[in-house]
Amino acid sequence: MKTNQTVSQKEVQNPPDTASLITIKSSPLLISPQKMKVVVESIRYQKLDYLLDTLPFLPSKGGGLVLELLQKEVKY
């Protein structure tokens, strides 16, 4: 019971803004999860305008893949 209470307290202290979060699921990509995680961690919790401006200039392959996924899913 104590673990459930501590988890719920953490969620109450730091609730995510669900209105601005985007979740995208895609078919398998030809990139390692470790490489994709670096890109996703660098853009997490950023605004869509910022993402569309910066993703094309990331030096890794993951930036282009995430940009393509965003453009397909979000009608901007």
C-alpha atoms as a PDB file:
ATOM      1  CA  MET A   1       0.000   0.000   0.000  1.00  0.00           C
ATOM      2  CA  LYS A   2       2.852   2.419   0.702  1.00  0.00           C
ATOM      3  CA  THR A   3       4.243   2.106  -2.825  1.00  0.00           C
ATOM      4  CA  ASN A   4       0.882   2.974  -4.365  1.00  0.00           C
ATOM      5  CA  GLN A   5       0.589   6.024  -2.149  1.00  0.00           C
ATOM      6  CA  THR A   6       4.057   7.309  -3.035  1.00  0.00           C
ATOM      7  CA  VAL A   7       3.428   6.871  -6.758  1.00  0.00           C
ATOM      8  CA  SER A   8       0.153   8.742  -6.544  1.00  0.00           C
ATOM      9  CA  GLN A   9       1.827  11.543  -4.579  1.00  0.00           C
ATOM     10  CA  LYS A  10       4.507  11.942  -7.247  1.00  0.00           C
ATOM     11  CA  GLU A  11       1.857  12.110  -9.946  1.00  0.00           C
ATOM     12  CA  VAL A  12      -0.049  14.773  -8.029  1.00  0.00           C
ATOM     13  CA  GLN A  13       3.098  16.861  -7.474  1.00  0.00           C
ATOM     14  CA  ASN A  14       4.183  16.812 -11.117  1.00  0.00           C
ATOM     15  CA  PRO A  15       1.177  16.214 -13.386  1.00  0.00           C
ATOM     16  CA  PRO A  16       2.028  16.305 -17.105  1.00  0.00           C
ATOM     17  CA  ASP A  17       0.178  18.734 -19.333  1.00  0.00           C
ATOM     18  CA  THR A  18      -1.729  16.153 -21.381  1.00  0.00           C
ATOM     19  CA  ALA A  19      -3.177  18.735 -23.753  1.00  0.00           C
ATOM     20  CA  SER A  20       0.213  19.505 -25.265  1.00  0.00           C
ATOM     21  CA  LEU A  21       1.748  16.006 -25.300  1.00  0.00           C
ATOM     22  CA  ILE A  22       1.906  14.106 -28.583  1.00  0.00           C
ATOM     23  CA  THR A  23       2.167  10.331 -28.773  1.00  0.00           C
ATOM     24  CA  ILE A  24       3.009   8.789 -32.123  1.00  0.00           C
ATOM     25  CA  LYS A  25       3.251   5.097 -32.896  1.00  0.00           C
ATOM     26  CA  SER A  26       4.687   3.912 -36.186  1.00  0.00           C
ATOM     27  CA  SER A  27       5.812   0.830 -37.997  1.00  0.00           C
ATOM     28  CA  PRO A  28       9.330  -0.383 -37.169  1.00  0.00           C
ATOM     29  CA  LEU A  29      12.015   2.127 -38.090  1.00  0.00           C
ATOM     30  CA  LEU A  30      15.492   1.256 -39.348  1.00  0.00           C
ATOM     31  CA  ILE A  31      17.351   2.920 -36.497  1.00  0.00           C
ATOM     32  CA  SER A  32      18.530   1.632 -33.156  1.00  0.00           C
ATOM     33  CA  PRO A  33      16.477   2.512 -30.081  1.00  0.00           C
ATOM     34  CA  GLN A  34      19.535   4.057 -28.429  1.00  0.00           C
ATOM     35  CA  LYS A  35      20.032   6.498 -31.305  1.00  0.00           C
ATOM     36  CA  MET A  36      16.340   7.390 -31.386  1.00  0.00           C
ATOM     37  CA  LYS A  37      16.269   7.927 -27.632  1.00  0.00           C
ATOM     38  CA  VAL A  38      18.956  10.627 -27.910  1.00  0.00           C
ATOM     39  CA  VAL A  39      16.784  12.564 -30.375  1.00  0.00           C
ATOM     40  CA  VAL A  40      13.556  12.095 -28.452  1.00  0.00           C
ATOM     41  CA  GLU A  41      15.116  13.142 -25.133  1.00  0.00           C
ATOM     42  CA  SER A  42      16.430  16.335 -26.718  1.00  0.00           C
ATOM     43  CA  ILE A  43      13.010  17.359 -28.070  1.00  0.00           C
ATOM     44  CA  ARG A  44      10.750  16.127 -25.275  1.00  0.00           C
ATOM     45  CA  TYR A  45       8.339  18.749 -23.846  1.00  0.00           C
ATOM     46  CA  GLN A  46       9.054  21.256 -26.620  1.00  0.00           C
ATOM     47  CA  LYS A  47       6.434  23.164 -28.586  1.00  0.00           C
ATOM     48  CA  LEU A  48       5.484  22.040 -32.074  1.00  0.00           C
ATOM     49  CA  ASP A  49       6.793  25.208 -33.742  1.00  0.00           C
ATOM     50  CA  TYR A  50      10.186  24.670 -32.151  1.00  0.00           C
ATOM     51  CA  LEU A  51      10.236  21.014 -33.216  1.00  0.00           C
ATOM     52  CA  LEU A  52       9.429  21.739 -36.841  1.00  0.00           C
ATOM     53  CA  ASP A  53      12.169  24.372 -36.927  1.00  0.00           C
ATOM     54  CA  THR A  54      14.943  22.364 -35.246  1.00  0.00           C
ATOM     55  CA  LEU A  55      14.435  18.738 -36.312  1.00  0.00           C
ATOM     56  CA  PRO A  56      15.760  19.180 -39.874  1.00  0.00           C
ATOM     57  CA  PHE A  57      19.054  20.475 -38.482  1.00  0.00           C
ATOM     58  CA  LEU A  58      19.806  17.667 -36.035  1.00  0.00           C
ATOM     59  CA  PRO A  59      22.939  15.800 -37.123  1.00  0.00           C
ATOM     60  CA  SER A  60      21.522  12.313 -36.544  1.00  0.00           C
ATOM     61  CA  LYS A  61      19.256  10.233 -38.748  1.00  0.00           C
ATOM     62  CA  GLY A  62      16.613  10.158 -35.995  1.00  0.00           C
ATOM     63  CA  GLY A  63      15.847  13.858 -36.395  1.00  0.00           C
ATOM     64  CA  GLY A  64      14.658  13.358 -39.957  1.00  0.00           C
ATOM     65  CA  LEU A  65      12.608  10.307 -39.013  1.00  0.00           C
ATOM     66  CA  VAL A  66      10.877  12.098 -36.149  1.00  0.00           C
ATOM     67  CA  LEU A  67      10.204  15.085 -38.408  1.00  0.00           C
ATOM     68  CA  GLU A  68       8.558  12.829 -41.021  1.00  0.00           C
ATOM     69  CA  LEU A  69       6.416  11.187 -38.331  1.00  0.00           C
ATOM     70  CA  LEU A  70       5.316  14.547 -36.946  1.00  0.00           C
ATOM     71  CA  GLN A  71       4.428  15.883 -40.383  1.00  0.00           C
ATOM     72  CA  LYS A  72       2.317  12.792 -41.115  1.00  0.00           C
ATOM     73  CA  GLU A  73       0.472  12.817 -37.793  1.00  0.00           C
ATOM     74  CA  VAL A  74       0.017  16.526 -37.113  1.00  0.00           C
ATOM     75  CA  LYS A  75      -1.837  18.560 -39.699  1.00  0.00           C
ATOM     76  CA  TYR A  76       0.045  21.812 -39.354  1.00  0.00           C
END
